[in-house]
Amino acid sequence: MTHARWTNPFTAAALPLVERPDLLGLVAEIDHFAAGFTRFTDSFARSYTRDPARLVLVTGPSGCGKSTLAQRCARWLLDNADGVVCVDLSHEPVALTVRERIDAVCRQLAARFDVSSDDPRQVLDEIDAVLPDDALLVVLLPPVELPAELRWYAGAARERMILFTESSHLREAPDDVTTLPLGPLTPGDVDRFVTARLNAAHPTIPPLAPSAIEWIEHRWSPVGLSADALRRLLYEAYEDVRQRGTTEVDLDAIMTTRLRRLLDPL
């Protein structure tokens, strides 16, 4: 059997927008994403080098788009501010203790800016001393899950720095932290997600039948479907269709995917 020659539009999960601005077209305004992004831009558009909140925390359950929102905000700074230096440490290995995690991040930053790492806790001060006067340092941190870690970063960030992190467990943060909460899909999100991905895809990609969108919306959104769960469902359905060479992803394709998941022991 000859498979259709197109790339599955639902392959990408977290979007590395800092390095790949060409992927901005894949971003869908879902999971309260638009509200979080607007809150960030409103907070920093007027005085991003003077705002007292130097740490941005994106919160929400697993798979809701936290990494993509942090990347989107950092990308906005790169596109709209002068002198931005962005360092992405969000995928660094996570150590066991708070101290080890912070020290690992600080050593990475010390190496990036060629400053001393003898005392990791002083690295941000060392970097601040060598940053050009008109520079803004943006750092994407690994996930933070403990309040003590969050408080340390909030206190350590200097005036010309904005640090981004995310958490699946923390729901509250100190007043000097900008919190951007995300959540499950809301009504209309399925259609918005599908439209964003298919609009950015090759025109030969089969459409998703309106009946399939409606079924997902009514059957799964009320029980807390996440953006990543939706993406994985659609990825598998489109893989099935690609292998069969059909011209539309219909409700049968979605139901087949769901049935396979239920029967798969893994």
C-alpha atoms as a PDB file:
ATOM      1  CA  MET A   1       0.000   0.000   0.000  1.00  0.00           C
ATOM      2  CA  THR A   2       1.301   3.459  -0.910  1.00  0.00           C
ATOM      3  CA  HIS A   3       1.056   5.981   1.901  1.00  0.00           C
ATOM      4  CA  ALA A   4       0.055   9.565   1.173  1.00  0.00           C
ATOM      5  CA  ARG A   5       3.112  11.827   1.044  1.00  0.00           C
ATOM      6  CA  TRP A   6       2.344  14.583   3.492  1.00  0.00           C
ATOM      7  CA  THR A   7       3.597  15.515   6.938  1.00  0.00           C
ATOM      8  CA  ASN A   8       1.189  14.967   9.804  1.00  0.00           C
ATOM      9  CA  PRO A   9       0.107  18.477  10.925  1.00  0.00           C
ATOM     10  CA  PHE A  10      -0.332  17.317  14.520  1.00  0.00           C
ATOM     11  CA  THR A  11       3.221  16.045  15.042  1.00  0.00           C
ATOM     12  CA  ALA A  12       4.655  18.979  17.000  1.00  0.00           C
ATOM     13  CA  ALA A  13       3.797  19.229  20.696  1.00  0.00           C
ATOM     14  CA  ALA A  14       5.697  22.017  22.487  1.00  0.00           C
ATOM     15  CA  LEU A  15       6.732  24.608  19.899  1.00  0.00           C
ATOM     16  CA  PRO A  16      10.320  25.968  20.111  1.00  0.00           C
ATOM     17  CA  LEU A  17       9.230  29.463  19.098  1.00  0.00           C
ATOM     18  CA  VAL A  18      12.361  31.155  20.448  1.00  0.00           C
ATOM     19  CA  GLU A  19      14.490  29.343  17.877  1.00  0.00           C
ATOM     20  CA  ARG A  20      11.767  28.797  15.252  1.00  0.00           C
ATOM     21  CA  PRO A  21       9.600  31.904  14.795  1.00  0.00           C
ATOM     22  CA  ASP A  22       8.310  30.324  11.577  1.00  0.00           C
ATOM     23  CA  LEU A  23       6.223  28.013  13.798  1.00  0.00           C
ATOM     24  CA  LEU A  24       4.106  30.877  15.166  1.00  0.00           C
ATOM     25  CA  GLY A  25       1.369  29.964  12.710  1.00  0.00           C
ATOM     26  CA  LEU A  26       0.851  26.681  14.571  1.00  0.00           C
ATOM     27  CA  VAL A  27      -0.071  28.426  17.820  1.00  0.00           C
ATOM     28  CA  ALA A  28      -3.789  28.174  18.574  1.00  0.00           C
ATOM     29  CA  GLU A  29      -5.474  30.543  21.017  1.00  0.00           C
ATOM     30  CA  ILE A  30      -6.779  27.803  23.304  1.00  0.00           C
ATOM     31  CA  ASP A  31      -6.547  26.669  26.941  1.00  0.00           C
ATOM     32  CA  HIS A  32      -6.906  30.285  28.132  1.00  0.00           C
ATOM     33  CA  PHE A  33      -3.767  30.877  26.050  1.00  0.00           C
ATOM     34  CA  ALA A  34      -4.945  34.213  24.634  1.00  0.00           C
ATOM     35  CA  ALA A  35      -5.789  35.557  28.100  1.00  0.00           C
ATOM     36  CA  GLY A  36      -2.396  34.524  29.484  1.00  0.00           C
ATOM     37  CA  PHE A  37      -0.488  35.994  26.558  1.00  0.00           C
ATOM     38  CA  THR A  38      -2.451  39.250  26.742  1.00  0.00           C
ATOM     39  CA  ARG A  39      -1.807  39.517  30.470  1.00  0.00           C
ATOM     40  CA  PHE A  40       1.908  39.122  29.864  1.00  0.00           C
ATOM     41  CA  THR A  41       2.096  41.658  27.059  1.00  0.00           C
ATOM     42  CA  ASP A  42      -0.008  44.158  29.016  1.00  0.00           C
ATOM     43  CA  SER A  43       2.300  43.763  32.015  1.00  0.00           C
ATOM     44  CA  PHE A  44       5.543  44.187  30.117  1.00  0.00           C
ATOM     45  CA  ALA A  45       4.728  46.200  26.993  1.00  0.00           C
ATOM     46  CA  ARG A  46       4.972  49.575  28.693  1.00  0.00           C
ATOM     47  CA  SER A  47       7.986  49.097  30.951  1.00  0.00           C
ATOM     48  CA  TYR A  48       9.534  45.676  30.552  1.00  0.00           C
ATOM     49  CA  THR A  49      12.820  46.903  32.033  1.00  0.00           C
ATOM     50  CA  ARG A  50      11.206  48.530  35.081  1.00  0.00           C
ATOM     51  CA  ASP A  51       8.354  46.192  36.037  1.00  0.00           C
ATOM     52  CA  PRO A  52       9.005  44.717  39.510  1.00  0.00           C
ATOM     53  CA  ALA A  53       7.826  41.240  38.461  1.00  0.00           C
ATOM     54  CA  ARG A  54      10.951  39.675  36.992  1.00  0.00           C
ATOM     55  CA  LEU A  55       9.683  36.064  37.157  1.00  0.00           C
ATOM     56  CA  VAL A  56       6.828  34.686  35.050  1.00  0.00           C
ATOM     57  CA  LEU A  57       5.188  31.429  36.177  1.00  0.00           C
ATOM     58  CA  VAL A  58       2.931  29.508  33.773  1.00  0.00           C
ATOM     59  CA  THR A  59       0.682  27.088  35.668  1.00  0.00           C
ATOM     60  CA  GLY A  60      -1.715  24.319  34.704  1.00  0.00           C
ATOM     61  CA  PRO A  61      -2.069  20.541  34.368  1.00  0.00           C
ATOM     62  CA  SER A  62       0.196  18.438  32.199  1.00  0.00           C
ATOM     63  CA  GLY A  63      -0.290  18.882  28.472  1.00  0.00           C
ATOM     64  CA  CYS A  64      -2.183  22.190  28.608  1.00  0.00           C
ATOM     65  CA  GLY A  65       0.392  24.260  26.684  1.00  0.00           C
ATOM     66  CA  LYS A  66       2.569  25.766  29.441  1.00  0.00           C
ATOM     67  CA  SER A  67       5.841  25.401  27.515  1.00  0.00           C
ATOM     68  CA  THR A  68       4.324  26.861  24.362  1.00  0.00           C
ATOM     69  CA  LEU A  69       2.963  29.896  26.231  1.00  0.00           C
ATOM     70  CA  ALA A  70       6.353  30.572  27.852  1.00  0.00           C
ATOM     71  CA  GLN A  71       7.996  30.260  24.426  1.00  0.00           C
ATOM     72  CA  ARG A  72       5.370  32.561  22.895  1.00  0.00           C
ATOM     73  CA  CYS A  73       5.977  35.251  25.518  1.00  0.00           C
ATOM     74  CA  ALA A  74       9.755  35.016  25.106  1.00  0.00           C
ATOM     75  CA  ARG A  75       9.345  35.204  21.333  1.00  0.00           C
ATOM     76  CA  TRP A  76       7.242  38.353  21.769  1.00  0.00           C
ATOM     77  CA  LEU A  77      10.056  39.993  23.725  1.00  0.00           C
ATOM     78  CA  LEU A  78      12.568  39.023  21.028  1.00  0.00           C
ATOM     79  CA  ASP A  79      10.326  40.565  18.371  1.00  0.00           C
ATOM     80  CA  ASN A  80       9.339  43.728  20.241  1.00  0.00           C
ATOM     81  CA  ALA A  81      12.227  44.740  22.495  1.00  0.00           C
ATOM     82  CA  ASP A  82      15.736  45.859  21.649  1.00  0.00           C
ATOM     83  CA  GLY A  83      18.840  44.130  22.961  1.00  0.00           C
ATOM     84  CA  VAL A  84      17.124  40.909  24.062  1.00  0.00           C
ATOM     85  CA  VAL A  85      19.426  37.988  24.851  1.00  0.00           C
ATOM     86  CA  CYS A  86      17.460  34.757  25.247  1.00  0.00           C
ATOM     87  CA  VAL A  87      18.769  31.568  26.839  1.00  0.00           C
ATOM     88  CA  ASP A  88      16.592  28.451  26.750  1.00  0.00           C
ATOM     89  CA  LEU A  89      17.360  26.090  29.652  1.00  0.00           C
ATOM     90  CA  SER A  90      13.843  24.665  29.849  1.00  0.00           C
ATOM     91  CA  HIS A  91      14.962  21.191  28.773  1.00  0.00           C
ATOM     92  CA  GLU A  92      17.925  20.896  31.117  1.00  0.00           C
ATOM     93  CA  PRO A  93      18.001  17.657  33.183  1.00  0.00           C
ATOM     94  CA  VAL A  94      16.134  18.073  36.450  1.00  0.00           C
ATOM     95  CA  ALA A  95      18.215  17.373  39.563  1.00  0.00           C
ATOM     96  CA  LEU A  96      16.828  15.923  42.779  1.00  0.00           C
ATOM     97  CA  THR A  97      17.022  18.806  45.234  1.00  0.00           C
ATOM     98  CA  VAL A  98      16.153  22.490  44.992  1.00  0.00           C
ATOM     99  CA  ARG A  99      19.759  23.487  45.571  1.00  0.00           C
ATOM    100  CA  GLU A 100      21.064  21.114  42.903  1.00  0.00           C
ATOM    101  CA  ARG A 101      18.513  22.340  40.374  1.00  0.00           C
ATOM    102  CA  ILE A 102      19.283  26.004  40.979  1.00  0.00           C
ATOM    103  CA  ASP A 103      23.039  25.400  40.947  1.00  0.00           C
ATOM    104  CA  ALA A 104      22.791  23.498  37.648  1.00  0.00           C
ATOM    105  CA  VAL A 105      20.888  26.362  36.008  1.00  0.00           C
ATOM    106  CA  CYS A 106      23.312  28.962  37.350  1.00  0.00           C
ATOM    107  CA  ARG A 107      26.338  27.030  36.092  1.00  0.00           C
ATOM    108  CA  GLN A 108      24.776  26.825  32.624  1.00  0.00           C
ATOM    109  CA  LEU A 109      24.242  30.583  32.646  1.00  0.00           C
ATOM    110  CA  ALA A 110      27.782  31.184  33.906  1.00  0.00           C
ATOM    111  CA  ALA A 111      29.181  29.173  31.006  1.00  0.00           C
ATOM    112  CA  ARG A 112      26.950  31.048  28.543  1.00  0.00           C
ATOM    113  CA  PHE A 113      28.205  34.475  29.707  1.00  0.00           C
ATOM    114  CA  ASP A 114      31.724  33.413  30.673  1.00  0.00           C
ATOM    115  CA  VAL A 115      31.457  34.529  34.287  1.00  0.00           C
ATOM    116  CA  SER A 116      32.640  32.805  37.447  1.00  0.00           C
ATOM    117  CA  SER A 117      30.575  29.901  38.744  1.00  0.00           C
ATOM    118  CA  ASP A 118      32.557  29.417  41.967  1.00  0.00           C
ATOM    119  CA  ASP A 119      29.454  30.509  43.864  1.00  0.00           C
ATOM    120  CA  PRO A 120      26.454  29.538  41.689  1.00  0.00           C
ATOM    121  CA  ARG A 121      24.117  31.663  43.787  1.00  0.00           C
ATOM    122  CA  GLN A 122      26.007  34.812  42.711  1.00  0.00           C
ATOM    123  CA  VAL A 123      25.903  34.061  38.979  1.00  0.00           C
ATOM    124  CA  LEU A 124      22.928  36.297  38.173  1.00  0.00           C
ATOM    125  CA  ASP A 125      24.723  39.208  39.876  1.00  0.00           C
ATOM    126  CA  GLU A 126      27.848  38.426  37.852  1.00  0.00           C
ATOM    127  CA  ILE A 127      25.825  38.375  34.627  1.00  0.00           C
ATOM    128  CA  ASP A 128      24.094  41.634  35.513  1.00  0.00           C
ATOM    129  CA  ALA A 129      27.515  43.276  35.826  1.00  0.00           C
ATOM    130  CA  VAL A 130      28.560  42.287  32.288  1.00  0.00           C
ATOM    131  CA  LEU A 131      25.260  42.829  30.468  1.00  0.00           C
ATOM    132  CA  PRO A 132      25.245  45.869  28.155  1.00  0.00           C
ATOM    133  CA  ASP A 133      23.228  48.755  29.560  1.00  0.00           C
ATOM    134  CA  ASP A 134      20.511  48.371  26.924  1.00  0.00           C
ATOM    135  CA  ALA A 135      20.278  44.555  27.150  1.00  0.00           C
ATOM    136  CA  LEU A 136      17.419  42.471  28.498  1.00  0.00           C
ATOM    137  CA  LEU A 137      18.228  38.897  29.514  1.00  0.00           C
ATOM    138  CA  VAL A 138      15.382  36.411  29.010  1.00  0.00           C
ATOM    139  CA  VAL A 139      15.834  32.931  30.477  1.00  0.00           C
ATOM    140  CA  LEU A 140      13.513  29.956  30.008  1.00  0.00           C
ATOM    141  CA  LEU A 141      14.011  27.877  33.146  1.00  0.00           C
ATOM    142  CA  PRO A 142      13.220  24.202  33.748  1.00  0.00           C
ATOM    143  CA  PRO A 143       9.902  23.491  35.493  1.00  0.00           C
ATOM    144  CA  VAL A 144       9.651  24.534  39.151  1.00  0.00           C
ATOM    145  CA  GLU A 145       7.561  22.469  41.559  1.00  0.00           C
ATOM    146  CA  LEU A 146       8.483  23.761  45.015  1.00  0.00           C
ATOM    147  CA  PRO A 147       7.682  27.179  46.544  1.00  0.00           C
ATOM    148  CA  ALA A 148      11.230  27.605  47.862  1.00  0.00           C
ATOM    149  CA  GLU A 149      12.643  27.302  44.353  1.00  0.00           C
ATOM    150  CA  LEU A 150      10.145  29.807  43.011  1.00  0.00           C
ATOM    151  CA  ARG A 151      10.938  32.300  45.768  1.00  0.00           C
ATOM    152  CA  TRP A 152      14.677  32.016  45.098  1.00  0.00           C
ATOM    153  CA  TYR A 153      14.334  32.847  41.417  1.00  0.00           C
ATOM    154  CA  ALA A 154      11.931  35.693  42.164  1.00  0.00           C
ATOM    155  CA  GLY A 155      14.441  37.229  44.545  1.00  0.00           C
ATOM    156  CA  ALA A 156      17.529  36.534  42.438  1.00  0.00           C
ATOM    157  CA  ALA A 157      16.377  38.026  39.118  1.00  0.00           C
ATOM    158  CA  ARG A 158      17.916  41.425  38.503  1.00  0.00           C
ATOM    159  CA  GLU A 159      16.255  44.471  36.941  1.00  0.00           C
ATOM    160  CA  ARG A 160      17.319  43.685  33.361  1.00  0.00           C
ATOM    161  CA  MET A 161      16.202  40.059  33.509  1.00  0.00           C
ATOM    162  CA  ILE A 162      12.954  38.206  32.910  1.00  0.00           C
ATOM    163  CA  LEU A 163      12.816  34.559  33.907  1.00  0.00           C
ATOM    164  CA  PHE A 164      10.124  32.151  32.681  1.00  0.00           C
ATOM    165  CA  THR A 165       9.223  28.880  34.333  1.00  0.00           C
ATOM    166  CA  GLU A 166       6.254  26.542  34.551  1.00  0.00           C
ATOM    167  CA  SER A 167       4.628  24.269  37.102  1.00  0.00           C
ATOM    168  CA  SER A 168       1.979  21.557  37.066  1.00  0.00           C
ATOM    169  CA  HIS A 169       1.564  21.677  40.851  1.00  0.00           C
ATOM    170  CA  LEU A 170       2.023  25.240  42.068  1.00  0.00           C
ATOM    171  CA  ARG A 171      -1.153  27.307  41.880  1.00  0.00           C
ATOM    172  CA  GLU A 172      -0.178  30.317  43.969  1.00  0.00           C
ATOM    173  CA  ALA A 173       2.883  32.531  43.812  1.00  0.00           C
ATOM    174  CA  PRO A 174       4.306  35.560  45.667  1.00  0.00           C
ATOM    175  CA  ASP A 175       3.075  39.010  44.628  1.00  0.00           C
ATOM    176  CA  ASP A 176       6.333  39.702  42.783  1.00  0.00           C
ATOM    177  CA  VAL A 177       5.692  36.806  40.358  1.00  0.00           C
ATOM    178  CA  THR A 178       3.497  37.172  37.262  1.00  0.00           C
ATOM    179  CA  THR A 179       1.281  34.063  37.096  1.00  0.00           C
ATOM    180  CA  LEU A 180      -0.278  32.916  33.826  1.00  0.00           C
ATOM    181  CA  PRO A 181      -2.767  30.099  34.520  1.00  0.00           C
ATOM    182  CA  LEU A 182      -3.817  27.614  31.836  1.00  0.00           C
ATOM    183  CA  GLY A 183      -6.446  24.878  31.979  1.00  0.00           C
ATOM    184  CA  PRO A 184      -8.461  22.301  30.034  1.00  0.00           C
ATOM    185  CA  LEU A 185     -10.063  23.046  26.690  1.00  0.00           C
ATOM    186  CA  THR A 186     -13.012  25.411  26.652  1.00  0.00           C
ATOM    187  CA  PRO A 187     -15.930  25.448  24.162  1.00  0.00           C
ATOM    188  CA  GLY A 188     -14.675  26.211  20.659  1.00  0.00           C
ATOM    189  CA  ASP A 189     -11.060  25.279  21.441  1.00  0.00           C
ATOM    190  CA  VAL A 190     -11.135  22.065  19.404  1.00  0.00           C
ATOM    191  CA  ASP A 191     -12.120  23.945  16.264  1.00  0.00           C
ATOM    192  CA  ARG A 192      -9.548  26.689  16.941  1.00  0.00           C
ATOM    193  CA  PHE A 193      -6.762  24.142  17.450  1.00  0.00           C
ATOM    194  CA  VAL A 194      -7.647  22.185  14.304  1.00  0.00           C
ATOM    195  CA  THR A 195      -7.987  25.350  12.223  1.00  0.00           C
ATOM    196  CA  ALA A 196      -4.583  26.700  13.311  1.00  0.00           C
ATOM    197  CA  ARG A 197      -2.782  23.446  12.531  1.00  0.00           C
ATOM    198  CA  LEU A 198      -4.503  22.801   9.194  1.00  0.00           C
ATOM    199  CA  ASN A 199      -4.161  26.404   7.999  1.00  0.00           C
ATOM    200  CA  ALA A 200      -0.396  26.134   8.506  1.00  0.00           C
ATOM    201  CA  ALA A 201      -0.230  22.731   6.788  1.00  0.00           C
ATOM    202  CA  HIS A 202       0.228  21.821   3.131  1.00  0.00           C
ATOM    203  CA  PRO A 203      -2.988  22.251   1.110  1.00  0.00           C
ATOM    204  CA  THR A 204      -3.029  18.535   0.261  1.00  0.00           C
ATOM    205  CA  ILE A 205      -3.617  17.631   3.916  1.00  0.00           C
ATOM    206  CA  PRO A 206      -7.088  16.081   4.292  1.00  0.00           C
ATOM    207  CA  PRO A 207      -9.598  18.195   6.237  1.00  0.00           C
ATOM    208  CA  LEU A 208     -11.156  17.106   9.507  1.00  0.00           C
ATOM    209  CA  ALA A 209     -14.871  16.500   9.124  1.00  0.00           C
ATOM    210  CA  PRO A 210     -17.108  18.942  11.057  1.00  0.00           C
ATOM    211  CA  SER A 211     -18.896  15.940  12.606  1.00  0.00           C
ATOM    212  CA  ALA A 212     -15.587  14.759  14.077  1.00  0.00           C
ATOM    213  CA  ILE A 213     -14.854  18.191  15.549  1.00  0.00           C
ATOM    214  CA  GLU A 214     -18.350  18.364  17.024  1.00  0.00           C
ATOM    215  CA  TRP A 215     -18.064  14.875  18.538  1.00  0.00           C
ATOM    216  CA  ILE A 216     -14.719  15.636  20.188  1.00  0.00           C
ATOM    217  CA  GLU A 217     -16.071  18.960  21.468  1.00  0.00           C
ATOM    218  CA  HIS A 218     -19.191  17.450  23.032  1.00  0.00           C
ATOM    219  CA  ARG A 219     -17.760  14.132  24.179  1.00  0.00           C
ATOM    220  CA  TRP A 220     -14.345  15.018  25.555  1.00  0.00           C
ATOM    221  CA  SER A 221     -14.076  18.747  26.273  1.00  0.00           C
ATOM    222  CA  PRO A 222     -16.522  18.587  29.225  1.00  0.00           C
ATOM    223  CA  VAL A 223     -14.305  16.015  30.993  1.00  0.00           C
ATOM    224  CA  GLY A 224     -11.160  18.140  30.842  1.00  0.00           C
ATOM    225  CA  LEU A 225      -9.456  17.316  27.549  1.00  0.00           C
ATOM    226  CA  SER A 226      -5.999  18.895  27.366  1.00  0.00           C
ATOM    227  CA  ALA A 227      -4.394  20.410  24.293  1.00  0.00           C
ATOM    228  CA  ASP A 228      -1.784  17.657  24.141  1.00  0.00           C
ATOM    229  CA  ALA A 229      -4.376  14.892  24.514  1.00  0.00           C
ATOM    230  CA  LEU A 230      -6.291  16.453  21.608  1.00  0.00           C
ATOM    231  CA  ARG A 231      -3.107  16.708  19.557  1.00  0.00           C
ATOM    232  CA  ARG A 232      -2.218  13.053  20.174  1.00  0.00           C
ATOM    233  CA  LEU A 233      -5.741  11.908  19.264  1.00  0.00           C
ATOM    234  CA  LEU A 234      -5.639  13.840  16.006  1.00  0.00           C
ATOM    235  CA  TYR A 235      -2.083  12.763  15.239  1.00  0.00           C
ATOM    236  CA  GLU A 236      -3.055   9.102  15.446  1.00  0.00           C
ATOM    237  CA  ALA A 237      -6.217   9.631  13.382  1.00  0.00           C
ATOM    238  CA  TYR A 238      -4.249  11.440  10.671  1.00  0.00           C
ATOM    239  CA  GLU A 239      -1.613   8.707  10.646  1.00  0.00           C
ATOM    240  CA  ASP A 240      -4.348   6.139  10.017  1.00  0.00           C
ATOM    241  CA  VAL A 241      -5.759   8.220   7.175  1.00  0.00           C
ATOM    242  CA  ARG A 242      -2.311   8.841   5.700  1.00  0.00           C
ATOM    243  CA  GLN A 243      -1.659   5.118   5.570  1.00  0.00           C
ATOM    244  CA  ARG A 244      -5.045   4.416   3.987  1.00  0.00           C
ATOM    245  CA  GLY A 245      -4.773   7.307   1.535  1.00  0.00           C
ATOM    246  CA  THR A 246      -8.294   8.626   2.148  1.00  0.00           C
ATOM    247  CA  THR A 247      -9.295  12.223   1.456  1.00  0.00           C
ATOM    248  CA  GLU A 248     -10.945  13.191   4.764  1.00  0.00           C
ATOM    249  CA  VAL A 249     -10.504  12.493   8.452  1.00  0.00           C
ATOM    250  CA  ASP A 250     -14.034  11.677   9.527  1.00  0.00           C
ATOM    251  CA  LEU A 251     -15.735  10.575  12.716  1.00  0.00           C
ATOM    252  CA  ASP A 252     -15.031   6.919  11.894  1.00  0.00           C
ATOM    253  CA  ALA A 253     -11.298   7.643  11.868  1.00  0.00           C
ATOM    254  CA  ILE A 254     -11.536   9.338  15.269  1.00  0.00           C
ATOM    255  CA  MET A 255     -13.593   6.482  16.705  1.00  0.00           C
ATOM    256  CA  THR A 256     -11.111   3.916  15.354  1.00  0.00           C
ATOM    257  CA  THR A 257      -8.283   5.753  17.065  1.00  0.00           C
ATOM    258  CA  ARG A 258     -10.190   5.865  20.352  1.00  0.00           C
ATOM    259  CA  LEU A 259     -11.023   2.152  20.136  1.00  0.00           C
ATOM    260  CA  ARG A 260      -7.405   1.233  19.498  1.00  0.00           C
ATOM    261  CA  ARG A 261      -6.342   3.165  22.587  1.00  0.00           C
ATOM    262  CA  LEU A 262      -8.913   1.375  24.725  1.00  0.00           C
ATOM    263  CA  LEU A 263      -7.795  -2.060  23.483  1.00  0.00           C
ATOM    264  CA  ASP A 264      -4.062  -1.349  23.521  1.00  0.00           C
ATOM    265  CA  PRO A 265      -2.627  -2.848  26.754  1.00  0.00           C
ATOM    266  CA  LEU A 266       0.105  -0.227  26.738  1.00  0.00           C
END
